[in-house]
Amino acid sequence: MRTLFPLTRTSLATPLLDEFDKFFNEFANSFGATIKTQQGKHQSPRINAYRRDGKYCIDAAVPMVTKDDLDVEIEENLLKITVKAHQDKEVSENDYIIREISRGQMTRILSLGEDVDVDSAKTSFKDGVLHIEFNAKQIEEESKVKRLVIE
């Protein structure tokens, strides 16, 4: 696979992908895994992924956090972005009139393609956006033509 992300969400596919997310979460939970997608209280950071100047770039929206709240790991070509949970302690639960902003833990796991140089990873954080950048590796294409020897 030569893509950075194997799955692209579109507005037409959202209901189907929501069902896929539900199935995946139930399957992962049956093994005690903590892999979550975008269901219920287990949200995942929204991302933009793009290529620019021979590099793969990922921007993850992580508002209302500091860089100490972020954890970024790469293991076996899986990029895992975790935002640690923090709740506002300045206002008690009973004093809220409307509470739409949640600060629960979020995790996003992305599969990196074989043409991504994971050793070149660089990260930065500014204005609520985590930026991750990788160099692209040159992958030699195997020849699709096989020459046979005539005996």
N, C-alpha and C. Protein backbone atom coordinates (compact mmCIF):
# COMPACT_ATOMS: atom_id res chain seq x y z
N MET A 1 0.85 -1.17 0.00
CA MET A 1 0.00 0.00 0.00
C MET A 1 0.90 1.23 0.00
N ARG A 2 0.64 2.16 -0.88
CA ARG A 2 1.47 3.34 -0.99
C ARG A 2 0.74 4.59 -0.55
N THR A 3 -0.25 4.44 0.28
CA THR A 3 -0.99 5.61 0.75
C THR A 3 -0.68 5.85 2.22
N LEU A 4 -0.81 7.09 2.62
CA LEU A 4 -0.59 7.43 4.01
C LEU A 4 -1.73 6.94 4.87
N PHE A 5 -2.96 7.09 4.38
CA PHE A 5 -4.13 6.67 5.12
C PHE A 5 -5.00 5.83 4.21
N PRO A 6 -5.36 4.62 4.63
CA PRO A 6 -6.11 3.76 3.73
C PRO A 6 -7.58 4.10 3.60
N LEU A 7 -8.12 4.99 4.45
CA LEU A 7 -9.54 5.26 4.45
C LEU A 7 -9.79 6.75 4.39
N THR A 8 -10.63 7.18 3.46
CA THR A 8 -10.96 8.59 3.34
C THR A 8 -12.45 8.75 3.59
N ARG A 9 -12.79 9.63 4.52
CA ARG A 9 -14.20 9.89 4.81
C ARG A 9 -14.77 10.88 3.81
N THR A 10 -15.96 10.58 3.34
CA THR A 10 -16.70 11.52 2.51
C THR A 10 -18.08 11.67 3.09
N SER A 11 -18.77 12.71 2.73
CA SER A 11 -20.11 12.93 3.29
C SER A 11 -21.06 11.81 2.87
N LEU A 12 -20.88 11.21 1.70
CA LEU A 12 -21.76 10.13 1.26
C LEU A 12 -21.51 8.84 2.03
N ALA A 13 -20.29 8.64 2.46
CA ALA A 13 -19.93 7.38 3.12
C ALA A 13 -20.06 7.44 4.63
N THR A 14 -20.40 8.58 5.20
CA THR A 14 -20.40 8.73 6.65
C THR A 14 -21.29 7.71 7.36
N PRO A 15 -22.56 7.48 6.98
CA PRO A 15 -23.36 6.49 7.70
C PRO A 15 -22.74 5.09 7.66
N LEU A 16 -22.23 4.70 6.51
CA LEU A 16 -21.58 3.40 6.40
C LEU A 16 -20.34 3.34 7.28
N LEU A 17 -19.54 4.40 7.27
CA LEU A 17 -18.33 4.41 8.08
C LEU A 17 -18.65 4.45 9.56
N ASP A 18 -19.74 5.10 9.95
CA ASP A 18 -20.15 5.08 11.35
C ASP A 18 -20.47 3.66 11.80
N GLU A 19 -21.14 2.90 10.94
CA GLU A 19 -21.43 1.50 11.25
C GLU A 19 -20.13 0.69 11.32
N PHE A 20 -19.21 0.98 10.42
CA PHE A 20 -17.91 0.30 10.44
C PHE A 20 -17.18 0.62 11.75
N ASP A 21 -17.20 1.91 12.16
CA ASP A 21 -16.58 2.30 13.42
C ASP A 21 -17.18 1.53 14.59
N LYS A 22 -18.51 1.41 14.59
CA LYS A 22 -19.20 0.68 15.67
C LYS A 22 -18.73 -0.77 15.70
N PHE A 23 -18.72 -1.42 14.53
CA PHE A 23 -18.26 -2.80 14.45
C PHE A 23 -16.82 -2.94 14.92
N PHE A 24 -15.95 -2.03 14.45
CA PHE A 24 -14.54 -2.08 14.81
C PHE A 24 -14.34 -1.92 16.32
N ASN A 25 -15.06 -0.99 16.92
CA ASN A 25 -14.94 -0.77 18.36
C ASN A 25 -15.39 -1.99 19.15
N GLU A 26 -16.52 -2.60 18.73
CA GLU A 26 -16.99 -3.79 19.42
C GLU A 26 -15.99 -4.94 19.28
N PHE A 27 -15.44 -5.07 18.08
CA PHE A 27 -14.45 -6.12 17.84
C PHE A 27 -13.19 -5.87 18.68
N ALA A 28 -12.70 -4.63 18.67
CA ALA A 28 -11.50 -4.30 19.44
C ALA A 28 -11.74 -4.47 20.93
N ASN A 29 -12.91 -4.09 21.41
CA ASN A 29 -13.22 -4.23 22.83
C ASN A 29 -13.30 -5.68 23.26
N SER A 30 -13.67 -6.57 22.35
CA SER A 30 -13.75 -7.98 22.71
C SER A 30 -12.38 -8.55 23.07
N PHE A 31 -11.32 -7.89 22.63
CA PHE A 31 -9.96 -8.30 22.97
C PHE A 31 -9.37 -7.42 24.06
N GLY A 32 -10.15 -6.54 24.63
CA GLY A 32 -9.65 -5.64 25.67
C GLY A 32 -8.83 -4.49 25.12
N ALA A 33 -8.93 -4.22 23.82
CA ALA A 33 -8.14 -3.16 23.21
C ALA A 33 -8.73 -1.80 23.55
N THR A 34 -7.90 -0.78 23.47
CA THR A 34 -8.35 0.58 23.74
C THR A 34 -8.43 1.41 22.47
N ILE A 35 -8.50 0.76 21.34
CA ILE A 35 -8.60 1.47 20.07
C ILE A 35 -10.02 1.99 19.94
N LYS A 36 -10.15 3.27 19.77
CA LYS A 36 -11.47 3.89 19.62
C LYS A 36 -11.46 4.76 18.39
N THR A 37 -12.64 4.95 17.83
CA THR A 37 -12.75 5.88 16.71
C THR A 37 -13.62 7.04 17.16
N GLN A 38 -14.69 7.34 16.46
CA GLN A 38 -15.44 8.55 16.75
C GLN A 38 -16.82 8.25 17.30
N GLN A 39 -16.90 7.40 18.32
CA GLN A 39 -18.20 7.07 18.87
C GLN A 39 -18.31 7.53 20.30
N GLY A 40 -19.49 7.93 20.69
CA GLY A 40 -19.78 8.23 22.07
C GLY A 40 -18.79 9.19 22.68
N LYS A 41 -18.33 8.87 23.89
CA LYS A 41 -17.41 9.74 24.62
C LYS A 41 -15.98 9.59 24.12
N HIS A 42 -15.70 8.58 23.33
CA HIS A 42 -14.35 8.34 22.85
C HIS A 42 -14.18 9.00 21.49
N GLN A 43 -13.85 10.25 21.50
CA GLN A 43 -13.68 11.00 20.27
C GLN A 43 -12.24 10.90 19.80
N SER A 44 -12.03 11.20 18.54
CA SER A 44 -10.68 11.24 18.02
C SER A 44 -10.44 12.60 17.40
N PRO A 45 -9.20 13.08 17.49
CA PRO A 45 -8.91 14.40 16.90
C PRO A 45 -9.17 14.40 15.40
N ARG A 46 -9.73 15.46 14.89
CA ARG A 46 -9.93 15.62 13.46
C ARG A 46 -8.59 15.96 12.83
N ILE A 47 -8.35 15.43 11.64
CA ILE A 47 -7.05 15.64 10.99
C ILE A 47 -7.20 16.11 9.56
N ASN A 48 -6.15 16.72 9.07
CA ASN A 48 -5.93 16.95 7.64
C ASN A 48 -4.60 16.27 7.33
N ALA A 49 -4.55 15.54 6.24
CA ALA A 49 -3.30 14.91 5.82
C ALA A 49 -3.06 15.30 4.37
N TYR A 50 -1.81 15.63 4.07
CA TYR A 50 -1.50 16.11 2.72
C TYR A 50 -0.01 15.89 2.44
N ARG A 51 0.33 15.97 1.15
CA ARG A 51 1.74 15.93 0.72
C ARG A 51 2.13 17.33 0.30
N ARG A 52 3.34 17.72 0.71
CA ARG A 52 3.86 19.04 0.32
C ARG A 52 5.38 18.93 0.25
N ASP A 53 5.94 19.33 -0.86
CA ASP A 53 7.40 19.36 -1.05
C ASP A 53 8.05 18.03 -0.72
N GLY A 54 7.46 16.93 -1.17
CA GLY A 54 8.04 15.60 -0.95
C GLY A 54 7.91 15.10 0.48
N LYS A 55 7.04 15.70 1.27
CA LYS A 55 6.83 15.29 2.66
C LYS A 55 5.36 14.99 2.89
N TYR A 56 5.11 14.06 3.81
CA TYR A 56 3.76 13.81 4.27
C TYR A 56 3.53 14.67 5.50
N CYS A 57 2.40 15.36 5.54
CA CYS A 57 2.08 16.25 6.66
C CYS A 57 0.72 15.88 7.24
N ILE A 58 0.64 15.95 8.55
CA ILE A 58 -0.61 15.70 9.27
C ILE A 58 -0.83 16.86 10.22
N ASP A 59 -2.02 17.45 10.17
CA ASP A 59 -2.42 18.48 11.12
C ASP A 59 -3.60 17.91 11.90
N ALA A 60 -3.46 17.84 13.22
CA ALA A 60 -4.53 17.34 14.08
C ALA A 60 -5.06 18.48 14.93
N ALA A 61 -6.38 18.67 14.89
CA ALA A 61 -7.02 19.73 15.68
C ALA A 61 -7.18 19.23 17.12
N VAL A 62 -6.48 19.90 18.03
CA VAL A 62 -6.53 19.54 19.45
C VAL A 62 -6.70 20.81 20.28
N PRO A 63 -7.88 21.44 20.21
CA PRO A 63 -8.08 22.70 20.92
C PRO A 63 -8.11 22.50 22.43
N MET A 64 -7.80 23.57 23.13
CA MET A 64 -7.87 23.64 24.59
C MET A 64 -6.91 22.68 25.30
N VAL A 65 -5.80 22.33 24.67
CA VAL A 65 -4.80 21.49 25.33
C VAL A 65 -3.44 22.17 25.25
N THR A 66 -2.53 21.71 26.08
CA THR A 66 -1.15 22.15 26.01
C THR A 66 -0.34 21.01 25.42
N LYS A 67 0.91 21.27 25.07
CA LYS A 67 1.71 20.20 24.49
C LYS A 67 1.98 19.10 25.51
N ASP A 68 1.88 19.41 26.80
CA ASP A 68 2.04 18.38 27.83
C ASP A 68 0.87 17.41 27.85
N ASP A 69 -0.27 17.80 27.28
CA ASP A 69 -1.45 16.94 27.21
C ASP A 69 -1.39 15.97 26.03
N LEU A 70 -0.39 16.12 25.17
CA LEU A 70 -0.30 15.33 23.94
C LEU A 70 0.74 14.24 24.06
N ASP A 71 0.45 13.11 23.45
CA ASP A 71 1.39 12.00 23.37
C ASP A 71 1.33 11.47 21.94
N VAL A 72 2.49 11.42 21.27
CA VAL A 72 2.55 10.94 19.89
C VAL A 72 3.56 9.80 19.85
N GLU A 73 3.11 8.65 19.34
CA GLU A 73 3.97 7.46 19.27
C GLU A 73 3.87 6.84 17.88
N ILE A 74 4.95 6.17 17.49
CA ILE A 74 4.94 5.38 16.25
C ILE A 74 5.43 3.99 16.63
N GLU A 75 4.60 3.00 16.29
CA GLU A 75 4.99 1.61 16.53
C GLU A 75 4.48 0.77 15.37
N GLU A 76 5.40 0.05 14.74
CA GLU A 76 5.07 -0.82 13.61
C GLU A 76 4.24 -0.10 12.54
N ASN A 77 4.69 1.07 12.14
CA ASN A 77 4.06 1.91 11.11
C ASN A 77 2.64 2.36 11.47
N LEU A 78 2.34 2.38 12.76
CA LEU A 78 1.09 2.96 13.23
C LEU A 78 1.42 4.22 14.02
N LEU A 79 0.81 5.32 13.62
CA LEU A 79 0.98 6.59 14.32
C LEU A 79 -0.19 6.72 15.29
N LYS A 80 0.11 6.93 16.56
CA LYS A 80 -0.92 7.05 17.58
C LYS A 80 -0.82 8.42 18.22
N ILE A 81 -1.90 9.19 18.12
CA ILE A 81 -2.00 10.51 18.73
C ILE A 81 -2.98 10.39 19.89
N THR A 82 -2.52 10.73 21.10
CA THR A 82 -3.38 10.66 22.28
C THR A 82 -3.42 12.02 22.95
N VAL A 83 -4.63 12.46 23.26
CA VAL A 83 -4.85 13.69 24.01
C VAL A 83 -5.33 13.26 25.39
N LYS A 84 -4.59 13.62 26.43
CA LYS A 84 -4.93 13.19 27.78
C LYS A 84 -6.17 13.93 28.29
N ALA A 85 -6.90 13.25 29.15
CA ALA A 85 -8.16 13.79 29.67
C ALA A 85 -7.90 14.79 30.79
N HIS A 86 -8.58 15.92 30.70
CA HIS A 86 -8.58 16.93 31.76
C HIS A 86 -9.96 17.56 31.79
N GLN A 87 -10.54 17.64 32.94
CA GLN A 87 -11.81 18.34 33.08
C GLN A 87 -11.59 19.63 33.85
N ASP A 88 -12.37 20.61 33.52
CA ASP A 88 -12.29 21.91 34.17
C ASP A 88 -12.74 21.77 35.62
N LYS A 89 -11.86 22.06 36.55
CA LYS A 89 -12.17 21.93 37.98
C LYS A 89 -12.64 23.24 38.58
N GLU A 90 -12.61 24.32 37.80
CA GLU A 90 -12.99 25.64 38.34
C GLU A 90 -14.50 25.77 38.50
N VAL A 91 -15.26 24.96 37.76
CA VAL A 91 -16.71 25.02 37.84
C VAL A 91 -17.20 23.64 38.27
N SER A 92 -18.04 23.61 39.30
CA SER A 92 -18.54 22.31 39.76
C SER A 92 -19.59 21.79 38.77
N GLU A 93 -19.79 20.50 38.78
CA GLU A 93 -20.72 19.84 37.85
C GLU A 93 -22.13 20.42 37.97
N ASN A 94 -22.57 20.74 39.17
CA ASN A 94 -23.94 21.23 39.40
C ASN A 94 -24.13 22.68 38.97
N ASP A 95 -23.04 23.44 38.74
CA ASP A 95 -23.16 24.84 38.37
C ASP A 95 -23.29 25.07 36.87
N TYR A 96 -23.13 24.03 36.06
CA TYR A 96 -23.25 24.20 34.61
C TYR A 96 -24.70 24.41 34.21
N ILE A 97 -24.93 25.34 33.33
CA ILE A 97 -26.24 25.53 32.71
C ILE A 97 -26.25 24.81 31.37
N ILE A 98 -25.21 25.04 30.59
CA ILE A 98 -24.98 24.33 29.33
C ILE A 98 -23.54 23.85 29.35
N ARG A 99 -23.34 22.59 28.99
CA ARG A 99 -21.98 22.07 28.94
C ARG A 99 -21.80 21.31 27.64
N GLU A 100 -21.21 21.95 26.65
CA GLU A 100 -20.98 21.34 25.35
C GLU A 100 -19.51 21.02 25.10
N ILE A 101 -18.63 21.57 25.91
CA ILE A 101 -17.21 21.35 25.72
C ILE A 101 -16.75 20.25 26.66
N SER A 102 -16.30 19.17 26.08
CA SER A 102 -15.81 18.05 26.88
C SER A 102 -14.31 17.95 26.70
N ARG A 103 -13.63 17.58 27.75
CA ARG A 103 -12.17 17.46 27.67
C ARG A 103 -11.74 16.04 28.00
N GLY A 104 -12.43 15.07 27.47
CA GLY A 104 -12.08 13.68 27.70
C GLY A 104 -10.90 13.25 26.86
N GLN A 105 -10.40 12.05 27.14
CA GLN A 105 -9.26 11.53 26.38
C GLN A 105 -9.68 11.22 24.95
N MET A 106 -8.80 11.55 24.01
CA MET A 106 -9.02 11.26 22.59
C MET A 106 -7.81 10.50 22.06
N THR A 107 -8.07 9.56 21.17
CA THR A 107 -6.99 8.81 20.54
C THR A 107 -7.29 8.67 19.06
N ARG A 108 -6.26 8.80 18.26
CA ARG A 108 -6.38 8.59 16.82
C ARG A 108 -5.20 7.73 16.40
N ILE A 109 -5.48 6.62 15.72
CA ILE A 109 -4.44 5.73 15.23
C ILE A 109 -4.52 5.72 13.71
N LEU A 110 -3.38 5.99 13.09
CA LEU A 110 -3.30 6.09 11.64
C LEU A 110 -2.26 5.12 11.11
N SER A 111 -2.59 4.44 10.05
CA SER A 111 -1.66 3.54 9.41
C SER A 111 -0.79 4.33 8.44
N LEU A 112 0.52 4.18 8.58
CA LEU A 112 1.46 4.88 7.69
C LEU A 112 1.87 3.93 6.57
N GLY A 113 1.94 4.43 5.37
CA GLY A 113 2.33 3.62 4.23
C GLY A 113 3.81 3.29 4.26
N GLU A 114 4.20 2.34 3.43
CA GLU A 114 5.59 1.91 3.40
C GLU A 114 6.53 2.97 2.83
N ASP A 115 5.96 3.97 2.17
CA ASP A 115 6.79 5.04 1.62
C ASP A 115 6.95 6.22 2.58
N VAL A 116 6.56 6.03 3.84
CA VAL A 116 6.72 7.06 4.86
C VAL A 116 7.97 6.73 5.69
N ASP A 117 8.90 7.67 5.75
CA ASP A 117 10.12 7.50 6.54
C ASP A 117 9.83 7.89 7.99
N VAL A 118 9.51 6.89 8.82
CA VAL A 118 9.10 7.17 10.20
C VAL A 118 10.24 7.75 11.03
N ASP A 119 11.48 7.48 10.64
CA ASP A 119 12.63 8.01 11.39
C ASP A 119 12.81 9.51 11.18
N SER A 120 12.16 10.07 10.18
CA SER A 120 12.31 11.50 9.89
C SER A 120 11.22 12.35 10.56
N ALA A 121 10.39 11.75 11.40
CA ALA A 121 9.24 12.44 11.99
C ALA A 121 9.66 13.68 12.78
N LYS A 122 8.94 14.77 12.53
CA LYS A 122 9.11 16.02 13.27
C LYS A 122 7.74 16.50 13.69
N THR A 123 7.64 17.03 14.91
CA THR A 123 6.35 17.53 15.38
C THR A 123 6.49 18.96 15.88
N SER A 124 5.36 19.67 15.80
CA SER A 124 5.28 21.01 16.38
C SER A 124 3.83 21.22 16.83
N PHE A 125 3.64 22.19 17.72
CA PHE A 125 2.31 22.46 18.25
C PHE A 125 2.12 23.95 18.38
N LYS A 126 1.07 24.47 17.73
CA LYS A 126 0.81 25.90 17.78
C LYS A 126 -0.68 26.16 17.56
N ASP A 127 -1.25 27.02 18.37
CA ASP A 127 -2.64 27.46 18.24
C ASP A 127 -3.63 26.30 18.16
N GLY A 128 -3.43 25.27 18.96
CA GLY A 128 -4.37 24.16 19.00
C GLY A 128 -4.25 23.18 17.86
N VAL A 129 -3.16 23.26 17.09
CA VAL A 129 -2.94 22.33 15.97
C VAL A 129 -1.60 21.61 16.17
N LEU A 130 -1.68 20.29 16.22
CA LEU A 130 -0.48 19.46 16.26
C LEU A 130 -0.08 19.16 14.83
N HIS A 131 1.15 19.51 14.47
CA HIS A 131 1.66 19.29 13.10
C HIS A 131 2.72 18.21 13.15
N ILE A 132 2.56 17.18 12.32
CA ILE A 132 3.53 16.08 12.23
C ILE A 132 3.95 15.98 10.77
N GLU A 133 5.25 15.83 10.56
CA GLU A 133 5.78 15.83 9.20
C GLU A 133 6.75 14.67 9.04
N PHE A 134 6.64 13.97 7.91
CA PHE A 134 7.52 12.85 7.58
C PHE A 134 8.10 13.06 6.19
N ASN A 135 9.33 12.63 5.99
CA ASN A 135 9.89 12.57 4.64
C ASN A 135 9.29 11.38 3.93
N ALA A 136 9.18 11.47 2.62
CA ALA A 136 8.70 10.36 1.81
C ALA A 136 9.91 9.55 1.35
N LYS A 137 9.79 8.22 1.43
CA LYS A 137 10.85 7.33 0.96
C LYS A 137 10.59 7.01 -0.51
N GLN A 138 11.66 6.79 -1.23
CA GLN A 138 11.54 6.32 -2.61
C GLN A 138 11.44 4.81 -2.58
N ILE A 139 10.35 4.29 -3.05
CA ILE A 139 10.14 2.84 -3.10
C ILE A 139 10.37 2.39 -4.53
N GLU A 140 11.24 1.41 -4.67
CA GLU A 140 11.49 0.88 -6.01
C GLU A 140 10.35 -0.04 -6.40
N GLU A 141 9.74 0.28 -7.52
CA GLU A 141 8.64 -0.55 -8.02
C GLU A 141 9.22 -1.83 -8.62
N GLU A 142 8.59 -2.95 -8.26
CA GLU A 142 9.00 -4.20 -8.87
C GLU A 142 8.50 -4.22 -10.31
N SER A 143 9.33 -4.73 -11.17
CA SER A 143 8.94 -4.81 -12.57
C SER A 143 7.75 -5.75 -12.71
N LYS A 144 6.75 -5.32 -13.44
CA LYS A 144 5.56 -6.12 -13.64
C LYS A 144 5.72 -7.06 -14.84
N VAL A 145 6.85 -6.93 -15.51
CA VAL A 145 7.11 -7.77 -16.66
C VAL A 145 8.12 -8.83 -16.25
N LYS A 146 7.76 -10.08 -16.47
CA LYS A 146 8.67 -11.17 -16.17
C LYS A 146 9.07 -11.81 -17.49
N ARG A 147 10.36 -11.76 -17.77
CA ARG A 147 10.85 -12.32 -19.03
C ARG A 147 11.16 -13.80 -18.79
N LEU A 148 10.63 -14.63 -19.66
CA LEU A 148 10.82 -16.08 -19.56
C LEU A 148 11.95 -16.51 -20.50
N VAL A 149 12.70 -17.47 -20.04
CA VAL A 149 13.80 -18.02 -20.84
C VAL A 149 13.24 -19.17 -21.66
N ILE A 150 13.49 -19.13 -22.95
CA ILE A 150 13.02 -20.18 -23.84
C ILE A 150 14.07 -21.28 -23.87
N GLU A 151 13.64 -22.49 -23.56
CA GLU A 151 14.59 -23.61 -23.56
C GLU A 151 14.47 -24.44 -24.80
